[in-house]
Amino acid sequence: MAAGWMEIRAAGPCESKEEAALLLIRAGSPSVLEEADPCVTEAGRLVAFSMWEDETAEDACAQGAISYRAYIDGPSAPGIEGLEAGLRGIGWEITLKSPYKDRDWAKLWMAGIRPVRVASGSTSVVVRPTWERAQARRGDTVVEIDPGMAFGTGSHATTKMCLRAILNIMKGGGGRSRPATLLDIGTGTGVLAIAAKKLGIERAVGTEIDPVALRVARKNARINGVALTLTGRPVAAVRGSFDIVVANILAGSLIGLSADIRARVRIGGSLILSGILREEADKVRGAYVSLGLKARRSYLSGEWAALVFRR
């Protein structure tokens, strides 16, 4: 970066962090970096910190504040005017503004990705980056991920809700047999398919239209020592039906592919849909109910929703 760049730190409530990130990017920052120890009160006092990013820590953070670091090309860069007012409008404020100091960006990026634990009863899945050696707890199913340039470190709310839904389905109930097959549509880094294999799924298939992500998923399968069937073919070209189908993609794609996705769910099987904004949930639900699937459960996390159906 040139010498004219400014480093900005902004802090505010977790509930509006997406809006804050958007304001900072619109002001000219190429991206934003979430602080590794975000769980602070509005007064700046540390209220919760863990090397783990799990649902308990996330709930604690929701009661306090987080902070972002952003980098903008000079104090008079296009878009910076009005940034402070915009942040104040969502309960945020700029707490630091200083000339940019060079940093080791690779280390900063790696430090920002923390292990994630998602639990259902006594069963839990831990997703951790390959460079993190955090101690697993008894009963943890550990998935190691090198995200590369693909989406899916386990930390996003949409991914965590999918993991939780898979855990709940894998626990079974109602006399139903244990699921044996899973299809992950838009697999990204492969995190969901790999977790399912480690939880006992016999056959897991992942589809991914991004060739870069497909290579990442194959690498992560090798890292975890699991056999996945990974393909760049569209879901309509996937043969057979599955006990669990999961699709963590955008709502518009979920609706557009609804008939093809439904066809991949075996009779009596489960479908998990995520990547859905709360205000889009009813529309997505309606598209699948109209195809004969039964809505069974909803998960909510911040502005995101995940839906579970049975065929």
C-alpha atoms as a PDB file:
ATOM      1  CA  MET A   1       0.000   0.000   0.000  1.00  0.00           C
ATOM      2  CA  ALA A   2       1.121   3.565  -0.632  1.00  0.00           C
ATOM      3  CA  ALA A   3       2.146   5.860   2.158  1.00  0.00           C
ATOM      4  CA  GLY A   4      -1.126   7.796   1.889  1.00  0.00           C
ATOM      5  CA  TRP A   5      -3.255   4.945   3.176  1.00  0.00           C
ATOM      6  CA  MET A   6      -5.042   5.342   6.509  1.00  0.00           C
ATOM      7  CA  GLU A   7      -5.728   2.564   8.981  1.00  0.00           C
ATOM      8  CA  ILE A   8      -9.187   2.846  10.530  1.00  0.00           C
ATOM      9  CA  ARG A   9     -10.659   0.889  13.414  1.00  0.00           C
ATOM     10  CA  ALA A  10     -14.416   0.947  13.889  1.00  0.00           C
ATOM     11  CA  ALA A  11     -16.369  -0.686  16.710  1.00  0.00           C
ATOM     12  CA  GLY A  12     -20.033  -1.341  17.346  1.00  0.00           C
ATOM     13  CA  PRO A  13     -22.734  -3.922  18.052  1.00  0.00           C
ATOM     14  CA  CYS A  14     -22.543  -7.383  16.488  1.00  0.00           C
ATOM     15  CA  GLU A  15     -26.091  -7.135  15.172  1.00  0.00           C
ATOM     16  CA  SER A  16     -25.109  -4.484  12.623  1.00  0.00           C
ATOM     17  CA  LYS A  17     -21.664  -5.774  11.680  1.00  0.00           C
ATOM     18  CA  GLU A  18     -22.677  -6.619   8.098  1.00  0.00           C
ATOM     19  CA  GLU A  19     -23.865  -3.048   7.525  1.00  0.00           C
ATOM     20  CA  ALA A  20     -20.661  -1.676   9.079  1.00  0.00           C
ATOM     21  CA  ALA A  21     -18.475  -3.813   6.824  1.00  0.00           C
ATOM     22  CA  LEU A  22     -20.407  -2.619   3.780  1.00  0.00           C
ATOM     23  CA  LEU A  23     -19.970   1.046   4.776  1.00  0.00           C
ATOM     24  CA  LEU A  24     -16.213   0.592   5.219  1.00  0.00           C
ATOM     25  CA  ILE A  25     -15.834  -1.146   1.872  1.00  0.00           C
ATOM     26  CA  ARG A  26     -17.921   1.509   0.127  1.00  0.00           C
ATOM     27  CA  ALA A  27     -15.636   4.132   1.667  1.00  0.00           C
ATOM     28  CA  GLY A  28     -12.726   2.591  -0.222  1.00  0.00           C
ATOM     29  CA  SER A  29     -11.311  -0.214   1.936  1.00  0.00           C
ATOM     30  CA  PRO A  30     -10.484  -3.294  -0.196  1.00  0.00           C
ATOM     31  CA  SER A  31     -11.771  -5.489   2.650  1.00  0.00           C
ATOM     32  CA  VAL A  32     -12.230  -5.439   6.424  1.00  0.00           C
ATOM     33  CA  LEU A  33     -10.473  -7.423   9.125  1.00  0.00           C
ATOM     34  CA  GLU A  34     -12.478  -8.534  12.142  1.00  0.00           C
ATOM     35  CA  GLU A  35     -10.471  -8.324  15.341  1.00  0.00           C
ATOM     36  CA  ALA A  36      -9.376 -11.650  16.855  1.00  0.00           C
ATOM     37  CA  ASP A  37     -10.758 -10.634  20.259  1.00  0.00           C
ATOM     38  CA  PRO A  38     -14.043  -8.949  19.319  1.00  0.00           C
ATOM     39  CA  CYS A  39     -16.136  -9.644  22.401  1.00  0.00           C
ATOM     40  CA  VAL A  40     -15.924  -6.289  24.143  1.00  0.00           C
ATOM     41  CA  THR A  41     -18.553  -4.098  25.671  1.00  0.00           C
ATOM     42  CA  GLU A  42     -19.304  -0.658  24.300  1.00  0.00           C
ATOM     43  CA  ALA A  43     -16.997   0.710  26.999  1.00  0.00           C
ATOM     44  CA  GLY A  44     -14.181  -1.408  25.573  1.00  0.00           C
ATOM     45  CA  ARG A  45     -14.008  -3.916  28.442  1.00  0.00           C
ATOM     46  CA  LEU A  46     -13.352  -7.527  27.527  1.00  0.00           C
ATOM     47  CA  VAL A  47     -16.414  -9.615  28.395  1.00  0.00           C
ATOM     48  CA  ALA A  48     -15.766 -12.858  26.561  1.00  0.00           C
ATOM     49  CA  PHE A  49     -12.797 -14.286  24.742  1.00  0.00           C
ATOM     50  CA  SER A  50     -12.071 -17.762  23.558  1.00  0.00           C
ATOM     51  CA  MET A  51      -9.721 -19.244  21.005  1.00  0.00           C
ATOM     52  CA  TRP A  52     -12.838 -21.089  19.886  1.00  0.00           C
ATOM     53  CA  GLU A  53     -15.571 -19.498  17.847  1.00  0.00           C
ATOM     54  CA  ASP A  54     -18.668 -21.389  18.971  1.00  0.00           C
ATOM     55  CA  GLU A  55     -22.339 -20.684  19.490  1.00  0.00           C
ATOM     56  CA  THR A  56     -21.855 -19.773  23.161  1.00  0.00           C
ATOM     57  CA  ALA A  57     -19.183 -17.199  22.357  1.00  0.00           C
ATOM     58  CA  GLU A  58     -21.266 -15.888  19.479  1.00  0.00           C
ATOM     59  CA  ASP A  59     -24.236 -15.327  21.809  1.00  0.00           C
ATOM     60  CA  ALA A  60     -21.989 -13.473  24.249  1.00  0.00           C
ATOM     61  CA  CYS A  61     -20.653 -11.268  21.481  1.00  0.00           C
ATOM     62  CA  ALA A  62     -24.172 -10.440  20.395  1.00  0.00           C
ATOM     63  CA  GLN A  63     -24.626  -8.676  23.739  1.00  0.00           C
ATOM     64  CA  GLY A  64     -21.495  -6.557  23.302  1.00  0.00           C
ATOM     65  CA  ALA A  65     -19.511  -5.198  20.377  1.00  0.00           C
ATOM     66  CA  ILE A  66     -16.929  -6.175  17.821  1.00  0.00           C
ATOM     67  CA  SER A  67     -14.378  -4.139  15.904  1.00  0.00           C
ATOM     68  CA  TYR A  68     -13.116  -3.997  12.339  1.00  0.00           C
ATOM     69  CA  ARG A  69      -9.896  -2.718  10.852  1.00  0.00           C
ATOM     70  CA  ALA A  70     -10.121  -1.118   7.415  1.00  0.00           C
ATOM     71  CA  TYR A  71      -7.649   0.613   5.112  1.00  0.00           C
ATOM     72  CA  ILE A  72      -8.589   3.663   3.054  1.00  0.00           C
ATOM     73  CA  ASP A  73      -6.401   5.548   0.576  1.00  0.00           C
ATOM     74  CA  GLY A  74      -5.901   8.859   2.372  1.00  0.00           C
ATOM     75  CA  PRO A  75      -8.175  10.918   4.632  1.00  0.00           C
ATOM     76  CA  SER A  76      -9.818  12.587   1.628  1.00  0.00           C
ATOM     77  CA  ALA A  77     -10.359   9.422  -0.459  1.00  0.00           C
ATOM     78  CA  PRO A  78     -13.625   9.206  -2.430  1.00  0.00           C
ATOM     79  CA  GLY A  79     -16.348   7.773  -0.196  1.00  0.00           C
ATOM     80  CA  ILE A  80     -14.731   8.533   3.151  1.00  0.00           C
ATOM     81  CA  GLU A  81     -16.827  11.665   3.577  1.00  0.00           C
ATOM     82  CA  GLY A  82     -19.892  10.698   5.527  1.00  0.00           C
ATOM     83  CA  LEU A  83     -18.378   7.397   6.733  1.00  0.00           C
ATOM     84  CA  GLU A  84     -18.419   8.460  10.381  1.00  0.00           C
ATOM     85  CA  ALA A  85     -22.026   9.672  10.123  1.00  0.00           C
ATOM     86  CA  GLY A  86     -23.057   6.449   8.419  1.00  0.00           C
ATOM     87  CA  LEU A  87     -21.434   4.349  11.128  1.00  0.00           C
ATOM     88  CA  ARG A  88     -23.052   6.418  13.871  1.00  0.00           C
ATOM     89  CA  GLY A  89     -26.406   5.755  12.233  1.00  0.00           C
ATOM     90  CA  ILE A  90     -26.048   2.019  12.939  1.00  0.00           C
ATOM     91  CA  GLY A  91     -24.554   2.431  16.418  1.00  0.00           C
ATOM     92  CA  TRP A  92     -20.880   2.232  15.371  1.00  0.00           C
ATOM     93  CA  GLU A  93     -18.021   4.672  15.756  1.00  0.00           C
ATOM     94  CA  ILE A  94     -14.478   5.108  14.519  1.00  0.00           C
ATOM     95  CA  THR A  95     -12.106   4.477  17.428  1.00  0.00           C
ATOM     96  CA  LEU A  96      -8.786   4.751  15.599  1.00  0.00           C
ATOM     97  CA  LYS A  97      -7.596   6.685  12.551  1.00  0.00           C
ATOM     98  CA  SER A  98      -3.874   6.698  11.859  1.00  0.00           C
ATOM     99  CA  PRO A  99      -1.360   6.435   9.004  1.00  0.00           C
ATOM    100  CA  TYR A 100      -0.989   2.897   7.702  1.00  0.00           C
ATOM    101  CA  LYS A 101       1.872   0.816   9.102  1.00  0.00           C
ATOM    102  CA  ASP A 102       3.092  -2.155   7.097  1.00  0.00           C
ATOM    103  CA  ARG A 103       2.024  -5.568   8.412  1.00  0.00           C
ATOM    104  CA  ASP A 104       2.420  -9.236   7.628  1.00  0.00           C
ATOM    105  CA  TRP A 105      -0.917  -9.729   5.845  1.00  0.00           C
ATOM    106  CA  ALA A 106      -0.597 -13.515   5.619  1.00  0.00           C
ATOM    107  CA  LYS A 107      -0.259 -13.768   9.395  1.00  0.00           C
ATOM    108  CA  LEU A 108      -3.130 -11.343   9.952  1.00  0.00           C
ATOM    109  CA  TRP A 109      -5.402 -13.335   7.640  1.00  0.00           C
ATOM    110  CA  MET A 110      -4.496 -16.612   9.317  1.00  0.00           C
ATOM    111  CA  ALA A 111      -5.015 -15.133  12.791  1.00  0.00           C
ATOM    112  CA  GLY A 112      -8.517 -14.041  11.792  1.00  0.00           C
ATOM    113  CA  ILE A 113      -9.654 -17.630  11.142  1.00  0.00           C
ATOM    114  CA  ARG A 114     -10.399 -19.390  14.399  1.00  0.00           C
ATOM    115  CA  PRO A 115     -11.612 -22.900  15.229  1.00  0.00           C
ATOM    116  CA  VAL A 116     -15.406 -23.235  15.203  1.00  0.00           C
ATOM    117  CA  ARG A 117     -17.380 -25.629  17.373  1.00  0.00           C
ATOM    118  CA  VAL A 118     -21.005 -26.521  16.614  1.00  0.00           C
ATOM    119  CA  ALA A 119     -22.734 -28.855  19.069  1.00  0.00           C
ATOM    120  CA  SER A 120     -25.970 -30.776  19.336  1.00  0.00           C
ATOM    121  CA  GLY A 121     -26.318 -32.437  22.724  1.00  0.00           C
ATOM    122  CA  SER A 122     -23.143 -34.354  23.490  1.00  0.00           C
ATOM    123  CA  THR A 123     -22.067 -34.484  19.836  1.00  0.00           C
ATOM    124  CA  SER A 124     -20.011 -31.680  18.326  1.00  0.00           C
ATOM    125  CA  VAL A 125     -18.127 -30.803  15.175  1.00  0.00           C
ATOM    126  CA  VAL A 126     -14.982 -28.688  15.332  1.00  0.00           C
ATOM    127  CA  VAL A 127     -13.792 -27.017  12.145  1.00  0.00           C
ATOM    128  CA  ARG A 128     -10.292 -25.646  12.476  1.00  0.00           C
ATOM    129  CA  PRO A 129      -7.739 -24.303   9.986  1.00  0.00           C
ATOM    130  CA  THR A 130      -4.847 -26.618   9.246  1.00  0.00           C
ATOM    131  CA  TRP A 131      -2.370 -24.285  10.970  1.00  0.00           C
ATOM    132  CA  GLU A 132      -4.351 -24.237  14.242  1.00  0.00           C
ATOM    133  CA  ARG A 133      -3.588 -26.893  16.843  1.00  0.00           C
ATOM    134  CA  ALA A 134      -6.237 -26.017  19.418  1.00  0.00           C
ATOM    135  CA  GLN A 135      -6.990 -28.859  21.802  1.00  0.00           C
ATOM    136  CA  ALA A 136     -10.138 -30.766  20.882  1.00  0.00           C
ATOM    137  CA  ARG A 137     -12.576 -31.798  23.588  1.00  0.00           C
ATOM    138  CA  ARG A 138     -13.866 -35.272  24.271  1.00  0.00           C
ATOM    139  CA  GLY A 139     -16.559 -36.158  21.735  1.00  0.00           C
ATOM    140  CA  ASP A 140     -15.414 -33.616  19.132  1.00  0.00           C
ATOM    141  CA  THR A 141     -15.414 -34.599  15.476  1.00  0.00           C
ATOM    142  CA  VAL A 142     -12.546 -32.549  14.053  1.00  0.00           C
ATOM    143  CA  VAL A 143     -12.472 -31.259  10.483  1.00  0.00           C
ATOM    144  CA  GLU A 144      -9.302 -29.516   9.284  1.00  0.00           C
ATOM    145  CA  ILE A 145      -9.732 -26.972   6.507  1.00  0.00           C
ATOM    146  CA  ASP A 146      -7.300 -25.039   4.357  1.00  0.00           C
ATOM    147  CA  PRO A 147      -9.732 -22.561   2.766  1.00  0.00           C
ATOM    148  CA  GLY A 148      -7.431 -21.254   0.064  1.00  0.00           C
ATOM    149  CA  MET A 149      -9.560 -19.021  -2.186  1.00  0.00           C
ATOM    150  CA  ALA A 150     -12.827 -20.890  -1.507  1.00  0.00           C
ATOM    151  CA  PHE A 151     -15.753 -20.065   0.794  1.00  0.00           C
ATOM    152  CA  GLY A 152     -16.238 -22.224   3.851  1.00  0.00           C
ATOM    153  CA  THR A 153     -14.127 -22.059   7.013  1.00  0.00           C
ATOM    154  CA  GLY A 154     -17.139 -23.026   9.126  1.00  0.00           C
ATOM    155  CA  SER A 155     -17.327 -19.599  10.750  1.00  0.00           C
ATOM    156  CA  HIS A 156     -20.171 -18.124   8.699  1.00  0.00           C
ATOM    157  CA  ALA A 157     -23.634 -18.397  10.237  1.00  0.00           C
ATOM    158  CA  THR A 158     -25.002 -20.185   7.167  1.00  0.00           C
ATOM    159  CA  THR A 159     -22.369 -22.929   7.435  1.00  0.00           C
ATOM    160  CA  LYS A 160     -22.804 -23.335  11.193  1.00  0.00           C
ATOM    161  CA  MET A 161     -26.558 -23.761  10.813  1.00  0.00           C
ATOM    162  CA  CYS A 162     -25.967 -26.466   8.186  1.00  0.00           C
ATOM    163  CA  LEU A 163     -23.569 -28.279  10.512  1.00  0.00           C
ATOM    164  CA  ARG A 164     -26.061 -28.118  13.347  1.00  0.00           C
ATOM    165  CA  ALA A 165     -28.861 -29.423  11.119  1.00  0.00           C
ATOM    166  CA  ILE A 166     -26.664 -32.312   9.928  1.00  0.00           C
ATOM    167  CA  LEU A 167     -25.820 -33.176  13.537  1.00  0.00           C
ATOM    168  CA  ASN A 168     -29.497 -33.224  14.503  1.00  0.00           C
ATOM    169  CA  ILE A 169     -30.452 -35.396  11.528  1.00  0.00           C
ATOM    170  CA  MET A 170     -27.546 -37.786  12.122  1.00  0.00           C
ATOM    171  CA  LYS A 171     -28.706 -38.319  15.706  1.00  0.00           C
ATOM    172  CA  GLY A 172     -31.882 -39.814  14.224  1.00  0.00           C
ATOM    173  CA  GLY A 173     -35.137 -40.240  16.039  1.00  0.00           C
ATOM    174  CA  GLY A 174     -38.638 -41.490  15.546  1.00  0.00           C
ATOM    175  CA  GLY A 175     -37.414 -44.950  14.624  1.00  0.00           C
ATOM    176  CA  ARG A 176     -35.898 -43.763  11.335  1.00  0.00           C
ATOM    177  CA  SER A 177     -32.759 -45.470  10.041  1.00  0.00           C
ATOM    178  CA  ARG A 178     -29.455 -43.629  10.243  1.00  0.00           C
ATOM    179  CA  PRO A 179     -28.687 -41.631   7.075  1.00  0.00           C
ATOM    180  CA  ALA A 180     -26.047 -43.230   4.850  1.00  0.00           C
ATOM    181  CA  THR A 181     -25.720 -40.848   1.891  1.00  0.00           C
ATOM    182  CA  LEU A 182     -25.339 -37.069   1.540  1.00  0.00           C
ATOM    183  CA  LEU A 183     -25.216 -34.628  -1.368  1.00  0.00           C
ATOM    184  CA  ASP A 184     -23.626 -31.209  -0.748  1.00  0.00           C
ATOM    185  CA  ILE A 185     -24.636 -28.736  -3.471  1.00  0.00           C
ATOM    186  CA  GLY A 186     -22.108 -25.912  -3.776  1.00  0.00           C
ATOM    187  CA  THR A 187     -19.599 -27.668  -1.544  1.00  0.00           C
ATOM    188  CA  GLY A 188     -16.985 -24.852  -1.486  1.00  0.00           C
ATOM    189  CA  THR A 189     -14.102 -26.065   0.688  1.00  0.00           C
ATOM    190  CA  GLY A 190     -15.919 -29.369   1.241  1.00  0.00           C
ATOM    191  CA  VAL A 191     -16.428 -28.694   4.935  1.00  0.00           C
ATOM    192  CA  LEU A 192     -19.999 -30.027   5.154  1.00  0.00           C
ATOM    193  CA  ALA A 193     -19.338 -33.181   3.134  1.00  0.00           C
ATOM    194  CA  ILE A 194     -16.156 -33.905   5.094  1.00  0.00           C
ATOM    195  CA  ALA A 195     -17.929 -33.396   8.428  1.00  0.00           C
ATOM    196  CA  ALA A 196     -20.726 -35.719   7.318  1.00  0.00           C
ATOM    197  CA  LYS A 197     -18.242 -38.446   6.390  1.00  0.00           C
ATOM    198  CA  LYS A 198     -16.545 -38.146   9.769  1.00  0.00           C
ATOM    199  CA  LEU A 199     -19.940 -38.330  11.486  1.00  0.00           C
ATOM    200  CA  GLY A 200     -20.667 -41.675   9.825  1.00  0.00           C
ATOM    201  CA  ILE A 201     -22.122 -40.959   6.377  1.00  0.00           C
ATOM    202  CA  GLU A 202     -21.035 -43.789   4.083  1.00  0.00           C
ATOM    203  CA  ARG A 203     -21.141 -41.897   0.777  1.00  0.00           C
ATOM    204  CA  ALA A 204     -20.826 -38.138   0.380  1.00  0.00           C
ATOM    205  CA  VAL A 205     -21.009 -36.318  -2.938  1.00  0.00           C
ATOM    206  CA  GLY A 206     -20.171 -32.643  -3.455  1.00  0.00           C
ATOM    207  CA  THR A 207     -20.976 -30.476  -6.475  1.00  0.00           C
ATOM    208  CA  GLU A 208     -19.147 -27.230  -7.169  1.00  0.00           C
ATOM    209  CA  ILE A 209     -19.214 -25.058 -10.311  1.00  0.00           C
ATOM    210  CA  ASP A 210     -16.111 -23.079  -9.251  1.00  0.00           C
ATOM    211  CA  PRO A 211     -13.025 -25.062 -10.403  1.00  0.00           C
ATOM    212  CA  VAL A 212     -10.797 -23.317  -7.840  1.00  0.00           C
ATOM    213  CA  ALA A 213     -13.096 -24.333  -4.976  1.00  0.00           C
ATOM    214  CA  LEU A 214     -13.294 -27.852  -6.385  1.00  0.00           C
ATOM    215  CA  ARG A 215      -9.513 -28.177  -6.149  1.00  0.00           C
ATOM    216  CA  VAL A 216      -9.616 -26.834  -2.587  1.00  0.00           C
ATOM    217  CA  ALA A 217     -12.306 -29.367  -1.615  1.00  0.00           C
ATOM    218  CA  ARG A 218     -10.259 -32.243  -3.040  1.00  0.00           C
ATOM    219  CA  LYS A 219      -7.218 -31.082  -1.086  1.00  0.00           C
ATOM    220  CA  ASN A 220      -9.231 -30.845   2.133  1.00  0.00           C
ATOM    221  CA  ALA A 221     -10.643 -34.339   1.616  1.00  0.00           C
ATOM    222  CA  ARG A 222      -7.068 -35.648   1.437  1.00  0.00           C
ATOM    223  CA  ILE A 223      -6.052 -33.657   4.529  1.00  0.00           C
ATOM    224  CA  ASN A 224      -8.903 -35.261   6.497  1.00  0.00           C
ATOM    225  CA  GLY A 225      -8.366 -38.734   5.085  1.00  0.00           C
ATOM    226  CA  VAL A 226     -11.905 -39.120   3.746  1.00  0.00           C
ATOM    227  CA  ALA A 227     -13.172 -40.263   0.366  1.00  0.00           C
ATOM    228  CA  LEU A 228     -15.574 -37.842  -1.308  1.00  0.00           C
ATOM    229  CA  THR A 229     -17.076 -37.870  -4.772  1.00  0.00           C
ATOM    230  CA  LEU A 230     -16.538 -34.319  -6.030  1.00  0.00           C
ATOM    231  CA  THR A 231     -17.811 -33.054  -9.359  1.00  0.00           C
ATOM    232  CA  GLY A 232     -18.142 -29.843 -11.322  1.00  0.00           C
ATOM    233  CA  ARG A 233     -21.326 -31.107 -12.971  1.00  0.00           C
ATOM    234  CA  PRO A 234     -24.647 -29.340 -12.214  1.00  0.00           C
ATOM    235  CA  VAL A 235     -27.017 -30.855  -9.683  1.00  0.00           C
ATOM    236  CA  ALA A 236     -29.368 -31.975 -12.471  1.00  0.00           C
ATOM    237  CA  ALA A 237     -26.591 -34.262 -13.764  1.00  0.00           C
ATOM    238  CA  VAL A 238     -26.010 -35.979 -10.409  1.00  0.00           C
ATOM    239  CA  ARG A 239     -27.364 -39.523 -10.449  1.00  0.00           C
ATOM    240  CA  GLY A 240     -29.455 -41.094  -7.727  1.00  0.00           C
ATOM    241  CA  SER A 241     -31.115 -39.772  -4.586  1.00  0.00           C
ATOM    242  CA  PHE A 242     -29.723 -39.164  -1.115  1.00  0.00           C
ATOM    243  CA  ASP A 243     -30.720 -39.474   2.541  1.00  0.00           C
ATOM    244  CA  ILE A 244     -29.549 -35.899   3.161  1.00  0.00           C
ATOM    245  CA  VAL A 245     -29.228 -33.119   0.616  1.00  0.00           C
ATOM    246  CA  VAL A 246     -27.702 -29.821   1.753  1.00  0.00           C
ATOM    247  CA  ALA A 247     -27.440 -26.645  -0.316  1.00  0.00           C
ATOM    248  CA  ASN A 248     -25.785 -23.568   1.178  1.00  0.00           C
ATOM    249  CA  ILE A 249     -26.148 -21.197  -1.767  1.00  0.00           C
ATOM    250  CA  LEU A 250     -28.069 -18.005  -2.530  1.00  0.00           C
ATOM    251  CA  ALA A 251     -31.858 -17.905  -2.225  1.00  0.00           C
ATOM    252  CA  GLY A 252     -32.365 -17.100  -5.902  1.00  0.00           C
ATOM    253  CA  SER A 253     -30.378 -20.180  -6.909  1.00  0.00           C
ATOM    254  CA  LEU A 254     -32.247 -22.327  -4.392  1.00  0.00           C
ATOM    255  CA  ILE A 255     -35.549 -21.310  -5.964  1.00  0.00           C
ATOM    256  CA  GLY A 256     -34.302 -21.648  -9.542  1.00  0.00           C
ATOM    257  CA  LEU A 257     -32.897 -25.145  -8.856  1.00  0.00           C
ATOM    258  CA  SER A 258     -35.782 -26.258  -6.619  1.00  0.00           C
ATOM    259  CA  ALA A 259     -37.077 -29.013  -8.911  1.00  0.00           C
ATOM    260  CA  ASP A 260     -33.597 -30.467  -9.516  1.00  0.00           C
ATOM    261  CA  ILE A 261     -32.713 -30.282  -5.816  1.00  0.00           C
ATOM    262  CA  ARG A 262     -35.971 -31.933  -4.765  1.00  0.00           C
ATOM    263  CA  ALA A 263     -35.336 -34.777  -7.207  1.00  0.00           C
ATOM    264  CA  ARG A 264     -32.074 -35.602  -5.443  1.00  0.00           C
ATOM    265  CA  VAL A 265     -33.816 -36.144  -2.052  1.00  0.00           C
ATOM    266  CA  ARG A 266     -34.950 -39.728  -1.570  1.00  0.00           C
ATOM    267  CA  ILE A 267     -38.429 -40.427  -0.246  1.00  0.00           C
ATOM    268  CA  GLY A 268     -38.156 -40.104   3.530  1.00  0.00           C
ATOM    269  CA  GLY A 269     -34.933 -38.121   3.188  1.00  0.00           C
ATOM    270  CA  SER A 270     -34.020 -34.671   4.545  1.00  0.00           C
ATOM    271  CA  LEU A 271     -33.200 -31.427   2.758  1.00  0.00           C
ATOM    272  CA  ILE A 272     -31.216 -28.575   4.362  1.00  0.00           C
ATOM    273  CA  LEU A 273     -31.255 -25.183   2.663  1.00  0.00           C
ATOM    274  CA  SER A 274     -29.096 -22.269   3.807  1.00  0.00           C
ATOM    275  CA  GLY A 275     -27.590 -19.048   2.474  1.00  0.00           C
ATOM    276  CA  ILE A 276     -31.027 -17.472   2.931  1.00  0.00           C
ATOM    277  CA  LEU A 277     -31.663 -14.006   4.327  1.00  0.00           C
ATOM    278  CA  ARG A 278     -34.486 -13.944   6.876  1.00  0.00           C
ATOM    279  CA  GLU A 279     -36.727 -11.882   4.635  1.00  0.00           C
ATOM    280  CA  GLU A 280     -36.279 -14.458   1.836  1.00  0.00           C
ATOM    281  CA  ALA A 281     -37.114 -17.500   3.972  1.00  0.00           C
ATOM    282  CA  ASP A 282     -40.874 -17.561   3.314  1.00  0.00           C
ATOM    283  CA  LYS A 283     -40.383 -17.358  -0.443  1.00  0.00           C
ATOM    284  CA  VAL A 284     -37.844 -20.208  -0.434  1.00  0.00           C
ATOM    285  CA  ARG A 285     -40.020 -22.293   1.882  1.00  0.00           C
ATOM    286  CA  GLY A 286     -43.035 -21.792  -0.364  1.00  0.00           C
ATOM    287  CA  ALA A 287     -41.129 -22.927  -3.457  1.00  0.00           C
ATOM    288  CA  TYR A 288     -40.253 -26.260  -1.846  1.00  0.00           C
ATOM    289  CA  VAL A 289     -43.560 -26.860  -0.094  1.00  0.00           C
ATOM    290  CA  SER A 290     -45.246 -26.412  -3.478  1.00  0.00           C
ATOM    291  CA  LEU A 291     -43.131 -29.355  -4.699  1.00  0.00           C
ATOM    292  CA  GLY A 292     -44.490 -31.601  -1.968  1.00  0.00           C
ATOM    293  CA  LEU A 293     -41.763 -31.315   0.667  1.00  0.00           C
ATOM    294  CA  LYS A 294     -42.755 -30.890   4.294  1.00  0.00           C
ATOM    295  CA  ALA A 295     -41.162 -28.028   6.228  1.00  0.00           C
ATOM    296  CA  ARG A 296     -39.787 -29.488   9.451  1.00  0.00           C
ATOM    297  CA  ARG A 297     -37.563 -26.903  11.110  1.00  0.00           C
ATOM    298  CA  SER A 298     -36.019 -23.447  10.795  1.00  0.00           C
ATOM    299  CA  TYR A 299     -32.717 -22.154  12.180  1.00  0.00           C
ATOM    300  CA  LEU A 300     -32.036 -18.452  12.623  1.00  0.00           C
ATOM    301  CA  SER A 301     -28.729 -16.660  13.214  1.00  0.00           C
ATOM    302  CA  GLY A 302     -28.537 -12.903  12.865  1.00  0.00           C
ATOM    303  CA  GLU A 303     -29.874 -11.950   9.446  1.00  0.00           C
ATOM    304  CA  TRP A 304     -29.606 -15.518   8.124  1.00  0.00           C
ATOM    305  CA  ALA A 305     -31.996 -18.469   8.052  1.00  0.00           C
ATOM    306  CA  ALA A 306     -31.703 -22.173   7.269  1.00  0.00           C
ATOM    307  CA  LEU A 307     -34.655 -24.420   6.461  1.00  0.00           C
ATOM    308  CA  VAL A 308     -35.050 -28.176   6.905  1.00  0.00           C
ATOM    309  CA  PHE A 309     -37.555 -30.257   4.926  1.00  0.00           C
ATOM    310  CA  ARG A 310     -38.520 -33.923   4.660  1.00  0.00           C
ATOM    311  CA  ARG A 311     -39.659 -35.610   1.496  1.00  0.00           C
END
